[in-house]
Every structure is written in C-alpha cells, then in structure tokens.
Amino acid sequence: MHHQHNHPSENGSHLTVSVSPPPNHQLLIEIIDASSVITWDFDMCKGDVVFNIFHSKRAPQPPRKDPLVVAHGITSPVGNNVQLIDKSWMLGKDYSMVETSLTCKEGESVQGSHITRWPGFYILQWRFHNMPACSTSNLPRVDDVLATLQVSSHKCKVMYYTEVLGSEDFRLVTVCLCVCEMITLV
C-alpha cells in the first residue's frame, strides 16, 4: 500500500516539471509496507539535474497555499517546484539519503528502482545542477562567471513517471522478465 502526492502538469502517463535554482522539485511517496519497490522513468528535456531519494519517518508538511492564489488560479513565480523537506530538517537526523546522488544530463533517459527497507515517507528530488567552478584557483574565471549567469537564468525541464509496486508484484515482474530473457537467449 502506498500514497503518491504532488502531481504537476500531466502529459499522458508522464508528468512534466520545470526545475529552477535555488528551488528544486520534490515528490512525496508514502510507503506503508516495507519491501515495496519505487520505480522511476524520466527524461531530461532541458538542462541538468541531480536526482536524490530520501526517507523520513515523519511526514513533511506541504507548503501552505495562499487562498487568493488557489481561488483565482494564479501561478507562483516558483512554478511547480514543490519543497517538502523543511529548511529546519537536518540530513541524518530528520531524514536520510537512501540512494547515491545521480547527475542527469540534458537528453538522457533515466530508469531505476529502489526497494524500500522501511515504511514511511520517501522523497524523490530533482535539484538544479550547478556547474562546478574551476578548481585550479580560488578566484573565479570570467568564463565560469558567465556560464553561471547563463545557467542560472533558465530552468531545467524533466518529464517523469513513477510507480510503486508491492514486493509480490515486483517479484512476479522480475520472474517474468528472467523467463522472457531465457527464452530470447535460447
């Protein structure tokens, strides 16, 4: 059993979000049964992001929406970047990283899965990827400064799909894939 929250603009079965600095986009998935499997499939349509998966035993509080904005359908300047991890939360205390960060480049298609170890709240995060500064000097180079200004002026665009499978469903899919692979090899 699971619950998935935060659904931005839909495009068929995939959702499309824009990720801009400094905010990022976070998706909350509540897992009731340990050993469930969170799967994802996303395409980097524009820009680069860092993808993370976090776990928390406590529920993040979604940002409060201004009633005026909701009543009149006004969009915020942040767009569809949803922030679930409170700024007061500390990594390692209030929440933990359950997968190694993955840097995803424009044009890439990324698929993956995570077998949950605990019930609770899993947060998938797409964070705007800042270009690293030149490491040979403490002073920034002109090219680095210009690149940072150009990058910070646009948003990344990610089209994603997530699904949560129960452990039995995942085992069945895995067995079917193995059998199909064996048949293909013969």
N, C-alpha and C. Protein backbone atom coordinates (compact mmCIF):
# COMPACT_ATOMS: atom_id res chain seq x y z
N MET A 1 0.84 -1.18 0.00
CA MET A 1 0.00 0.00 0.00
C MET A 1 0.88 1.24 0.00
N HIS A 2 0.51 2.23 -0.79
CA HIS A 2 1.29 3.46 -0.85
C HIS A 2 0.40 4.61 -1.27
N HIS A 3 0.87 5.81 -1.05
CA HIS A 3 0.18 7.02 -1.49
C HIS A 3 1.21 7.90 -2.16
N GLN A 4 0.86 8.46 -3.32
CA GLN A 4 1.77 9.34 -4.03
C GLN A 4 1.15 10.73 -4.08
N HIS A 5 1.95 11.75 -3.83
CA HIS A 5 1.47 13.12 -3.76
C HIS A 5 2.20 13.99 -4.77
N ASN A 6 1.65 15.16 -5.05
CA ASN A 6 2.27 16.19 -5.91
C ASN A 6 2.26 15.80 -7.38
N HIS A 7 1.22 16.13 -8.07
CA HIS A 7 1.15 15.82 -9.49
C HIS A 7 1.08 17.10 -10.31
N PRO A 8 2.22 17.58 -10.87
CA PRO A 8 2.22 18.75 -11.74
C PRO A 8 1.54 18.44 -13.08
N SER A 9 1.79 19.26 -14.09
CA SER A 9 1.10 19.10 -15.37
C SER A 9 1.30 17.71 -15.96
N GLU A 10 0.23 17.12 -16.43
CA GLU A 10 0.31 15.77 -16.97
C GLU A 10 0.51 15.78 -18.47
N ASN A 11 1.23 14.80 -18.96
CA ASN A 11 1.46 14.61 -20.38
C ASN A 11 1.35 13.10 -20.61
N GLY A 12 0.12 12.62 -20.86
CA GLY A 12 -0.08 11.18 -20.94
C GLY A 12 0.13 10.58 -19.57
N SER A 13 0.98 9.57 -19.47
CA SER A 13 1.26 8.95 -18.18
C SER A 13 2.45 9.59 -17.48
N HIS A 14 3.14 10.50 -18.16
CA HIS A 14 4.30 11.18 -17.57
C HIS A 14 3.90 12.57 -17.08
N LEU A 15 4.61 13.08 -16.10
CA LEU A 15 4.41 14.42 -15.58
C LEU A 15 5.60 15.27 -15.99
N THR A 16 5.38 16.54 -16.25
CA THR A 16 6.46 17.43 -16.65
C THR A 16 6.60 18.53 -15.61
N VAL A 17 7.84 18.76 -15.16
CA VAL A 17 8.12 19.82 -14.20
C VAL A 17 9.31 20.63 -14.68
N SER A 18 9.33 21.87 -14.27
CA SER A 18 10.49 22.73 -14.51
C SER A 18 11.23 22.86 -13.19
N VAL A 19 12.53 22.71 -13.23
CA VAL A 19 13.37 22.81 -12.03
C VAL A 19 14.28 24.00 -12.21
N SER A 20 14.17 24.96 -11.29
CA SER A 20 15.00 26.15 -11.41
C SER A 20 15.75 26.39 -10.12
N PRO A 21 16.89 27.06 -10.20
CA PRO A 21 17.64 27.34 -8.99
C PRO A 21 17.00 28.49 -8.22
N PRO A 22 17.06 28.57 -6.91
CA PRO A 22 17.56 27.57 -6.00
C PRO A 22 16.52 26.50 -5.65
N PRO A 23 15.21 26.70 -5.89
CA PRO A 23 14.29 25.62 -5.52
C PRO A 23 14.55 24.37 -6.35
N ASN A 24 13.99 23.29 -5.91
CA ASN A 24 14.05 22.05 -6.65
C ASN A 24 12.66 21.44 -6.63
N HIS A 25 12.47 20.33 -7.30
CA HIS A 25 11.17 19.67 -7.29
C HIS A 25 11.27 18.40 -6.46
N GLN A 26 10.32 18.20 -5.56
CA GLN A 26 10.31 17.03 -4.71
C GLN A 26 8.95 16.35 -4.82
N LEU A 27 8.97 15.02 -4.85
CA LEU A 27 7.76 14.21 -4.95
C LEU A 27 7.69 13.32 -3.71
N LEU A 28 6.57 13.33 -3.03
CA LEU A 28 6.38 12.56 -1.81
C LEU A 28 5.64 11.26 -2.10
N ILE A 29 6.21 10.15 -1.62
CA ILE A 29 5.57 8.85 -1.74
C ILE A 29 5.52 8.23 -0.35
N GLU A 30 4.32 7.94 0.12
CA GLU A 30 4.17 7.30 1.42
C GLU A 30 4.15 5.80 1.24
N ILE A 31 5.04 5.10 1.94
CA ILE A 31 5.13 3.64 1.85
C ILE A 31 4.61 3.05 3.17
N ILE A 32 3.61 2.19 3.05
CA ILE A 32 3.04 1.53 4.23
C ILE A 32 3.77 0.21 4.49
N ASP A 33 4.03 -0.55 3.43
CA ASP A 33 4.66 -1.86 3.54
C ASP A 33 6.14 -1.78 3.14
N ALA A 34 7.02 -2.19 4.06
CA ALA A 34 8.45 -2.27 3.71
C ALA A 34 8.60 -3.29 2.59
N SER A 35 9.65 -3.22 1.84
CA SER A 35 9.94 -4.08 0.69
C SER A 35 9.09 -3.76 -0.53
N SER A 36 8.42 -2.62 -0.53
CA SER A 36 7.78 -2.15 -1.76
C SER A 36 8.88 -1.65 -2.68
N VAL A 37 8.56 -1.48 -3.94
CA VAL A 37 9.57 -1.04 -4.90
C VAL A 37 9.10 0.25 -5.57
N ILE A 38 9.90 1.31 -5.42
CA ILE A 38 9.62 2.57 -6.10
C ILE A 38 10.37 2.52 -7.42
N THR A 39 9.67 2.73 -8.51
CA THR A 39 10.31 2.76 -9.83
C THR A 39 10.16 4.15 -10.42
N TRP A 40 11.11 4.52 -11.27
CA TRP A 40 11.04 5.82 -11.95
C TRP A 40 11.57 5.71 -13.35
N ASP A 41 11.07 6.60 -14.16
CA ASP A 41 11.48 6.72 -15.56
C ASP A 41 11.38 8.21 -15.87
N PHE A 42 12.49 8.86 -16.16
CA PHE A 42 12.39 10.27 -16.51
C PHE A 42 13.35 10.64 -17.63
N ASP A 43 12.95 11.66 -18.36
CA ASP A 43 13.72 12.18 -19.48
C ASP A 43 14.13 13.61 -19.17
N MET A 44 15.40 13.90 -19.41
CA MET A 44 15.92 15.25 -19.23
C MET A 44 15.68 16.01 -20.55
N CYS A 45 14.64 16.83 -20.55
CA CYS A 45 14.28 17.56 -21.76
C CYS A 45 15.14 18.81 -21.95
N LYS A 46 15.54 19.44 -20.82
CA LYS A 46 16.34 20.66 -20.90
C LYS A 46 17.16 20.79 -19.62
N GLY A 47 18.45 21.04 -19.75
CA GLY A 47 19.32 21.27 -18.60
C GLY A 47 19.74 20.00 -17.89
N ASP A 48 20.47 20.17 -16.79
CA ASP A 48 21.00 19.07 -15.99
C ASP A 48 20.45 19.16 -14.57
N VAL A 49 20.17 18.01 -13.96
CA VAL A 49 19.71 17.96 -12.58
C VAL A 49 20.48 16.90 -11.81
N VAL A 50 20.38 16.97 -10.50
CA VAL A 50 20.88 15.93 -9.61
C VAL A 50 19.64 15.27 -9.01
N PHE A 51 19.55 13.94 -9.13
CA PHE A 51 18.41 13.18 -8.64
C PHE A 51 18.79 12.51 -7.33
N ASN A 52 17.92 12.66 -6.31
CA ASN A 52 18.15 12.07 -5.00
C ASN A 52 16.89 11.37 -4.51
N ILE A 53 17.07 10.40 -3.62
CA ILE A 53 15.94 9.78 -2.94
C ILE A 53 16.24 9.81 -1.44
N PHE A 54 15.27 10.34 -0.69
CA PHE A 54 15.40 10.46 0.75
C PHE A 54 14.28 9.69 1.44
N HIS A 55 14.50 9.35 2.72
CA HIS A 55 13.48 8.69 3.54
C HIS A 55 13.34 9.46 4.85
N SER A 56 12.10 9.57 5.31
CA SER A 56 11.83 10.17 6.60
C SER A 56 10.71 9.39 7.28
N LYS A 57 10.83 9.24 8.58
CA LYS A 57 9.76 8.59 9.34
C LYS A 57 8.61 9.55 9.59
N ARG A 58 8.90 10.83 9.56
CA ARG A 58 7.84 11.82 9.80
C ARG A 58 7.40 12.46 8.49
N ALA A 59 6.14 12.81 8.46
CA ALA A 59 5.56 13.37 7.23
C ALA A 59 5.99 14.81 7.04
N PRO A 60 6.50 15.13 5.87
CA PRO A 60 6.80 16.54 5.57
C PRO A 60 5.49 17.32 5.50
N GLN A 61 5.55 18.56 5.89
CA GLN A 61 4.38 19.43 5.79
C GLN A 61 4.42 20.13 4.44
N PRO A 62 3.41 19.88 3.59
CA PRO A 62 3.42 20.55 2.28
C PRO A 62 3.32 22.06 2.48
N PRO A 63 3.89 22.81 1.53
CA PRO A 63 3.84 24.27 1.65
C PRO A 63 2.39 24.75 1.66
N ARG A 64 2.16 25.76 2.46
CA ARG A 64 0.80 26.33 2.53
C ARG A 64 0.55 27.15 1.27
N LYS A 65 -0.67 27.01 0.77
CA LYS A 65 -1.05 27.77 -0.42
C LYS A 65 -1.88 28.97 -0.01
N ASP A 66 -1.58 30.08 -0.62
CA ASP A 66 -2.33 31.30 -0.37
C ASP A 66 -3.74 31.10 -0.93
N PRO A 67 -4.80 31.30 -0.10
CA PRO A 67 -6.18 31.10 -0.58
C PRO A 67 -6.51 31.96 -1.79
N LEU A 68 -5.95 33.17 -1.88
CA LEU A 68 -6.17 34.05 -3.02
C LEU A 68 -5.62 33.42 -4.29
N VAL A 69 -4.42 32.81 -4.18
CA VAL A 69 -3.78 32.17 -5.32
C VAL A 69 -4.60 30.97 -5.78
N VAL A 70 -5.06 30.15 -4.82
CA VAL A 70 -5.84 28.97 -5.15
C VAL A 70 -7.18 29.35 -5.78
N ALA A 71 -7.87 30.33 -5.19
CA ALA A 71 -9.20 30.73 -5.67
C ALA A 71 -9.18 31.31 -7.07
N HIS A 72 -8.10 32.00 -7.41
CA HIS A 72 -8.04 32.67 -8.71
C HIS A 72 -7.11 32.01 -9.71
N GLY A 73 -6.53 30.86 -9.34
CA GLY A 73 -5.68 30.12 -10.26
C GLY A 73 -4.40 30.84 -10.63
N ILE A 74 -3.91 31.70 -9.76
CA ILE A 74 -2.68 32.45 -10.04
C ILE A 74 -1.50 31.52 -9.82
N THR A 75 -0.56 31.54 -10.76
CA THR A 75 0.63 30.70 -10.59
C THR A 75 1.70 31.48 -9.85
N SER A 76 2.46 30.78 -9.03
CA SER A 76 3.51 31.45 -8.27
C SER A 76 4.75 31.60 -9.14
N PRO A 77 5.65 32.53 -8.80
CA PRO A 77 6.87 32.70 -9.60
C PRO A 77 7.77 31.48 -9.55
N VAL A 78 7.60 30.64 -8.51
CA VAL A 78 8.43 29.44 -8.39
C VAL A 78 7.95 28.38 -9.37
N GLY A 79 6.72 28.48 -9.84
CA GLY A 79 6.18 27.50 -10.78
C GLY A 79 5.76 26.24 -10.05
N ASN A 80 6.14 25.07 -10.59
CA ASN A 80 5.68 23.83 -9.97
C ASN A 80 6.76 23.17 -9.12
N ASN A 81 7.75 23.93 -8.67
CA ASN A 81 8.77 23.38 -7.77
C ASN A 81 8.16 23.23 -6.38
N VAL A 82 8.04 21.99 -5.93
CA VAL A 82 7.43 21.70 -4.65
C VAL A 82 8.54 21.38 -3.65
N GLN A 83 8.55 22.08 -2.53
CA GLN A 83 9.55 21.88 -1.48
C GLN A 83 8.90 21.15 -0.31
N LEU A 84 9.31 19.93 -0.05
CA LEU A 84 8.75 19.13 1.04
C LEU A 84 9.69 19.04 2.23
N ILE A 85 10.99 19.04 1.97
CA ILE A 85 11.96 18.95 3.05
C ILE A 85 12.11 20.34 3.65
N ASP A 86 11.67 20.47 4.89
CA ASP A 86 11.71 21.76 5.58
C ASP A 86 13.15 22.21 5.77
N LYS A 87 13.38 23.51 5.67
CA LYS A 87 14.74 24.05 5.81
C LYS A 87 15.33 23.77 7.18
N SER A 88 14.47 23.53 8.18
CA SER A 88 14.97 23.25 9.53
C SER A 88 15.38 21.78 9.70
N TRP A 89 14.99 20.91 8.77
CA TRP A 89 15.35 19.49 8.87
C TRP A 89 16.85 19.31 8.65
N MET A 90 17.41 18.34 9.36
CA MET A 90 18.84 18.05 9.22
C MET A 90 19.01 16.66 8.62
N LEU A 91 19.84 16.58 7.56
CA LEU A 91 20.15 15.30 6.93
C LEU A 91 20.85 14.41 7.95
N GLY A 92 20.39 13.18 8.09
CA GLY A 92 20.95 12.25 9.06
C GLY A 92 20.17 12.24 10.38
N LYS A 93 19.37 13.27 10.61
CA LYS A 93 18.56 13.32 11.83
C LYS A 93 17.07 13.24 11.49
N ASP A 94 16.59 14.15 10.67
CA ASP A 94 15.17 14.19 10.32
C ASP A 94 14.86 13.37 9.07
N TYR A 95 15.85 13.20 8.23
CA TYR A 95 15.68 12.41 7.01
C TYR A 95 17.04 11.87 6.59
N SER A 96 17.02 10.83 5.73
CA SER A 96 18.28 10.23 5.29
C SER A 96 18.26 10.00 3.79
N MET A 97 19.45 9.98 3.20
CA MET A 97 19.58 9.70 1.77
C MET A 97 19.65 8.17 1.62
N VAL A 98 18.82 7.60 0.73
CA VAL A 98 18.78 6.14 0.58
C VAL A 98 19.41 5.65 -0.71
N GLU A 99 19.75 6.54 -1.61
CA GLU A 99 20.45 6.20 -2.85
C GLU A 99 21.52 7.26 -3.08
N THR A 100 22.59 6.89 -3.75
CA THR A 100 23.63 7.84 -4.12
C THR A 100 23.07 8.85 -5.11
N SER A 101 23.47 10.11 -4.97
CA SER A 101 23.04 11.15 -5.91
C SER A 101 23.42 10.78 -7.33
N LEU A 102 22.55 11.11 -8.27
CA LEU A 102 22.78 10.80 -9.67
C LEU A 102 22.67 12.08 -10.48
N THR A 103 23.75 12.47 -11.17
CA THR A 103 23.73 13.65 -12.03
C THR A 103 23.20 13.23 -13.39
N CYS A 104 22.14 13.91 -13.83
CA CYS A 104 21.47 13.57 -15.09
C CYS A 104 21.62 14.73 -16.06
N LYS A 105 22.12 14.43 -17.25
CA LYS A 105 22.43 15.44 -18.26
C LYS A 105 21.29 15.58 -19.27
N GLU A 106 21.21 16.76 -19.86
CA GLU A 106 20.21 17.03 -20.88
C GLU A 106 20.25 15.96 -21.96
N GLY A 107 19.07 15.46 -22.35
CA GLY A 107 18.97 14.44 -23.40
C GLY A 107 18.98 13.01 -22.87
N GLU A 108 19.34 12.82 -21.60
CA GLU A 108 19.39 11.47 -21.05
C GLU A 108 18.00 10.99 -20.66
N SER A 109 17.84 9.67 -20.72
CA SER A 109 16.64 9.00 -20.24
C SER A 109 17.10 8.09 -19.10
N VAL A 110 16.45 8.21 -17.94
CA VAL A 110 16.91 7.51 -16.74
C VAL A 110 15.79 6.62 -16.21
N GLN A 111 16.10 5.35 -16.00
CA GLN A 111 15.16 4.43 -15.39
C GLN A 111 15.84 3.81 -14.18
N GLY A 112 15.06 3.52 -13.15
CA GLY A 112 15.64 2.88 -11.98
C GLY A 112 14.57 2.45 -11.00
N SER A 113 15.04 1.82 -9.93
CA SER A 113 14.12 1.36 -8.89
C SER A 113 14.84 1.35 -7.56
N HIS A 114 14.06 1.40 -6.50
CA HIS A 114 14.60 1.34 -5.14
C HIS A 114 13.68 0.45 -4.32
N ILE A 115 14.25 -0.59 -3.71
CA ILE A 115 13.48 -1.45 -2.82
C ILE A 115 13.49 -0.80 -1.45
N THR A 116 12.30 -0.46 -0.95
CA THR A 116 12.21 0.25 0.32
C THR A 116 12.52 -0.71 1.47
N ARG A 117 13.24 -0.20 2.44
CA ARG A 117 13.61 -1.00 3.61
C ARG A 117 12.69 -0.74 4.79
N TRP A 118 12.07 0.46 4.80
CA TRP A 118 11.25 0.84 5.94
C TRP A 118 9.96 1.49 5.44
N PRO A 119 8.89 1.37 6.22
CA PRO A 119 7.71 2.19 5.92
C PRO A 119 8.04 3.65 6.23
N GLY A 120 7.25 4.53 5.73
CA GLY A 120 7.48 5.96 5.98
C GLY A 120 7.31 6.76 4.71
N PHE A 121 8.02 7.86 4.65
CA PHE A 121 7.86 8.82 3.56
C PHE A 121 9.15 8.88 2.75
N TYR A 122 9.03 8.61 1.46
CA TYR A 122 10.17 8.68 0.55
C TYR A 122 9.98 9.93 -0.30
N ILE A 123 11.06 10.66 -0.46
CA ILE A 123 11.01 11.91 -1.22
C ILE A 123 11.97 11.80 -2.39
N LEU A 124 11.42 11.85 -3.60
CA LEU A 124 12.24 11.88 -4.81
C LEU A 124 12.49 13.36 -5.11
N GLN A 125 13.74 13.69 -5.37
CA GLN A 125 14.12 15.10 -5.56
C GLN A 125 14.90 15.28 -6.85
N TRP A 126 14.49 16.26 -7.65
CA TRP A 126 15.24 16.70 -8.81
C TRP A 126 15.74 18.10 -8.48
N ARG A 127 17.06 18.25 -8.36
CA ARG A 127 17.67 19.51 -7.96
C ARG A 127 18.47 20.07 -9.13
N PHE A 128 18.32 21.36 -9.36
CA PHE A 128 19.07 22.05 -10.41
C PHE A 128 20.56 21.79 -10.20
N HIS A 129 21.25 21.37 -11.26
CA HIS A 129 22.68 21.05 -11.17
C HIS A 129 23.49 22.29 -11.52
N ASN A 130 24.25 22.79 -10.54
CA ASN A 130 25.14 23.93 -10.78
C ASN A 130 26.43 23.44 -11.40
N MET A 131 26.95 24.19 -12.33
CA MET A 131 28.22 23.83 -12.95
C MET A 131 29.34 24.05 -11.95
N PRO A 132 30.29 23.12 -11.84
CA PRO A 132 31.39 23.30 -10.90
C PRO A 132 32.32 24.43 -11.34
N ALA A 133 32.82 25.16 -10.37
CA ALA A 133 33.77 26.23 -10.67
C ALA A 133 35.15 25.64 -10.95
N CYS A 134 35.99 26.41 -11.56
CA CYS A 134 37.35 25.97 -11.86
C CYS A 134 38.10 25.72 -10.55
N SER A 135 38.74 24.57 -10.42
CA SER A 135 39.37 24.20 -9.15
C SER A 135 40.85 24.56 -9.09
N THR A 136 41.43 25.12 -10.13
CA THR A 136 42.86 25.42 -10.12
C THR A 136 43.18 26.72 -9.39
N SER A 137 42.17 27.53 -9.14
CA SER A 137 42.40 28.82 -8.49
C SER A 137 41.21 29.13 -7.59
N ASN A 138 41.47 29.93 -6.55
CA ASN A 138 40.39 30.35 -5.67
C ASN A 138 39.56 31.45 -6.32
N LEU A 139 40.13 32.12 -7.30
CA LEU A 139 39.41 33.19 -7.97
C LEU A 139 38.64 32.63 -9.16
N PRO A 140 37.38 33.04 -9.32
CA PRO A 140 36.61 32.53 -10.46
C PRO A 140 37.11 33.12 -11.77
N ARG A 141 37.10 32.27 -12.79
CA ARG A 141 37.47 32.74 -14.12
C ARG A 141 36.28 33.44 -14.76
N VAL A 142 36.54 34.31 -15.71
CA VAL A 142 35.47 35.04 -16.40
C VAL A 142 34.51 34.05 -17.06
N ASP A 143 35.04 33.00 -17.70
CA ASP A 143 34.19 32.00 -18.36
C ASP A 143 33.26 31.32 -17.36
N ASP A 144 33.79 31.01 -16.15
CA ASP A 144 32.96 30.37 -15.12
C ASP A 144 31.83 31.28 -14.66
N VAL A 145 32.16 32.56 -14.45
CA VAL A 145 31.15 33.52 -14.02
C VAL A 145 30.07 33.67 -15.08
N LEU A 146 30.47 33.81 -16.34
CA LEU A 146 29.50 33.94 -17.44
C LEU A 146 28.64 32.68 -17.57
N ALA A 147 29.24 31.52 -17.45
CA ALA A 147 28.49 30.26 -17.54
C ALA A 147 27.48 30.16 -16.41
N THR A 148 27.86 30.57 -15.20
CA THR A 148 26.94 30.53 -14.06
C THR A 148 25.77 31.47 -14.28
N LEU A 149 26.04 32.66 -14.81
CA LEU A 149 24.97 33.62 -15.08
C LEU A 149 24.02 33.08 -16.14
N GLN A 150 24.55 32.45 -17.18
CA GLN A 150 23.71 31.92 -18.24
C GLN A 150 22.88 30.74 -17.73
N VAL A 151 23.49 29.84 -16.95
CA VAL A 151 22.78 28.67 -16.44
C VAL A 151 21.68 29.08 -15.47
N SER A 152 21.98 30.04 -14.58
CA SER A 152 21.00 30.41 -13.57
C SER A 152 19.80 31.14 -14.15
N SER A 153 19.89 31.57 -15.40
CA SER A 153 18.78 32.31 -15.99
C SER A 153 17.75 31.40 -16.65
N HIS A 154 17.98 30.09 -16.68
CA HIS A 154 16.97 29.22 -17.28
C HIS A 154 16.60 28.08 -16.36
N LYS A 155 15.58 27.37 -16.73
CA LYS A 155 15.10 26.25 -15.94
C LYS A 155 15.44 24.95 -16.63
N CYS A 156 15.51 23.91 -15.83
CA CYS A 156 15.63 22.57 -16.39
C CYS A 156 14.20 22.04 -16.55
N LYS A 157 14.04 21.14 -17.51
CA LYS A 157 12.72 20.55 -17.72
C LYS A 157 12.86 19.04 -17.66
N VAL A 158 12.06 18.42 -16.80
CA VAL A 158 12.10 16.98 -16.59
C VAL A 158 10.71 16.41 -16.81
N MET A 159 10.63 15.33 -17.60
CA MET A 159 9.38 14.61 -17.77
C MET A 159 9.56 13.27 -17.06
N TYR A 160 8.69 12.98 -16.07
CA TYR A 160 8.90 11.78 -15.28
C TYR A 160 7.64 10.97 -15.05
N TYR A 161 7.86 9.71 -14.70
CA TYR A 161 6.80 8.78 -14.32
C TYR A 161 7.33 7.96 -13.16
N THR A 162 6.51 7.81 -12.12
CA THR A 162 6.89 6.96 -11.00
C THR A 162 5.77 5.98 -10.72
N GLU A 163 6.14 4.85 -10.15
CA GLU A 163 5.16 3.84 -9.78
C GLU A 163 5.70 3.09 -8.57
N VAL A 164 4.80 2.65 -7.71
CA VAL A 164 5.20 1.84 -6.57
C VAL A 164 4.58 0.47 -6.73
N LEU A 165 5.44 -0.55 -6.65
CA LEU A 165 4.99 -1.93 -6.76
C LEU A 165 5.12 -2.59 -5.40
N GLY A 166 4.14 -3.43 -5.05
CA GLY A 166 4.27 -4.24 -3.85
C GLY A 166 5.37 -5.26 -4.07
N SER A 167 5.92 -5.80 -3.00
CA SER A 167 7.05 -6.73 -3.14
C SER A 167 6.65 -7.97 -3.95
N GLU A 168 5.43 -8.47 -3.78
CA GLU A 168 4.98 -9.64 -4.54
C GLU A 168 4.87 -9.31 -6.03
N ASP A 169 4.32 -8.14 -6.35
CA ASP A 169 4.20 -7.72 -7.75
C ASP A 169 5.56 -7.59 -8.40
N PHE A 170 6.53 -7.04 -7.65
CA PHE A 170 7.87 -6.86 -8.19
C PHE A 170 8.54 -8.21 -8.46
N ARG A 171 8.39 -9.14 -7.53
CA ARG A 171 8.96 -10.48 -7.73
C ARG A 171 8.37 -11.14 -8.97
N LEU A 172 7.05 -10.99 -9.17
CA LEU A 172 6.39 -11.57 -10.33
C LEU A 172 6.93 -10.96 -11.62
N VAL A 173 7.08 -9.64 -11.65
CA VAL A 173 7.63 -8.97 -12.84
C VAL A 173 9.05 -9.44 -13.09
N THR A 174 9.86 -9.55 -12.03
CA THR A 174 11.25 -9.99 -12.17
C THR A 174 11.32 -11.41 -12.73
N VAL A 175 10.49 -12.30 -12.22
CA VAL A 175 10.46 -13.68 -12.71
C VAL A 175 10.06 -13.70 -14.18
N CYS A 176 9.04 -12.94 -14.56
CA CYS A 176 8.59 -12.90 -15.95
C CYS A 176 9.70 -12.38 -16.87
N LEU A 177 10.40 -11.33 -16.43
CA LEU A 177 11.49 -10.79 -17.25
C LEU A 177 12.62 -11.80 -17.41
N CYS A 178 12.95 -12.53 -16.33
CA CYS A 178 14.01 -13.54 -16.41
C CYS A 178 13.62 -14.67 -17.35
N VAL A 179 12.37 -15.11 -17.29
CA VAL A 179 11.90 -16.17 -18.18
C VAL A 179 11.93 -15.69 -19.63
N CYS A 180 11.47 -14.48 -19.88
CA CYS A 180 11.49 -13.93 -21.23
C CYS A 180 12.92 -13.81 -21.75
N GLU A 181 13.84 -13.40 -20.89
CA GLU A 181 15.24 -13.28 -21.28
C GLU A 181 15.83 -14.66 -21.61
N MET A 182 15.49 -15.67 -20.82
CA MET A 182 15.98 -17.02 -21.07
C MET A 182 15.45 -17.54 -22.39
N ILE A 183 14.18 -17.25 -22.69
CA ILE A 183 13.58 -17.71 -23.95
C ILE A 183 14.26 -17.04 -25.12
N THR A 184 14.58 -15.74 -24.98
CA THR A 184 15.24 -15.00 -26.05
C THR A 184 16.64 -15.53 -26.32
N LEU A 185 17.35 -15.93 -25.27
CA LEU A 185 18.71 -16.41 -25.40
C LEU A 185 18.77 -17.79 -26.05
N VAL A 186 17.72 -18.58 -25.93
CA VAL A 186 17.74 -19.96 -26.44
C VAL A 186 17.63 -20.01 -27.92
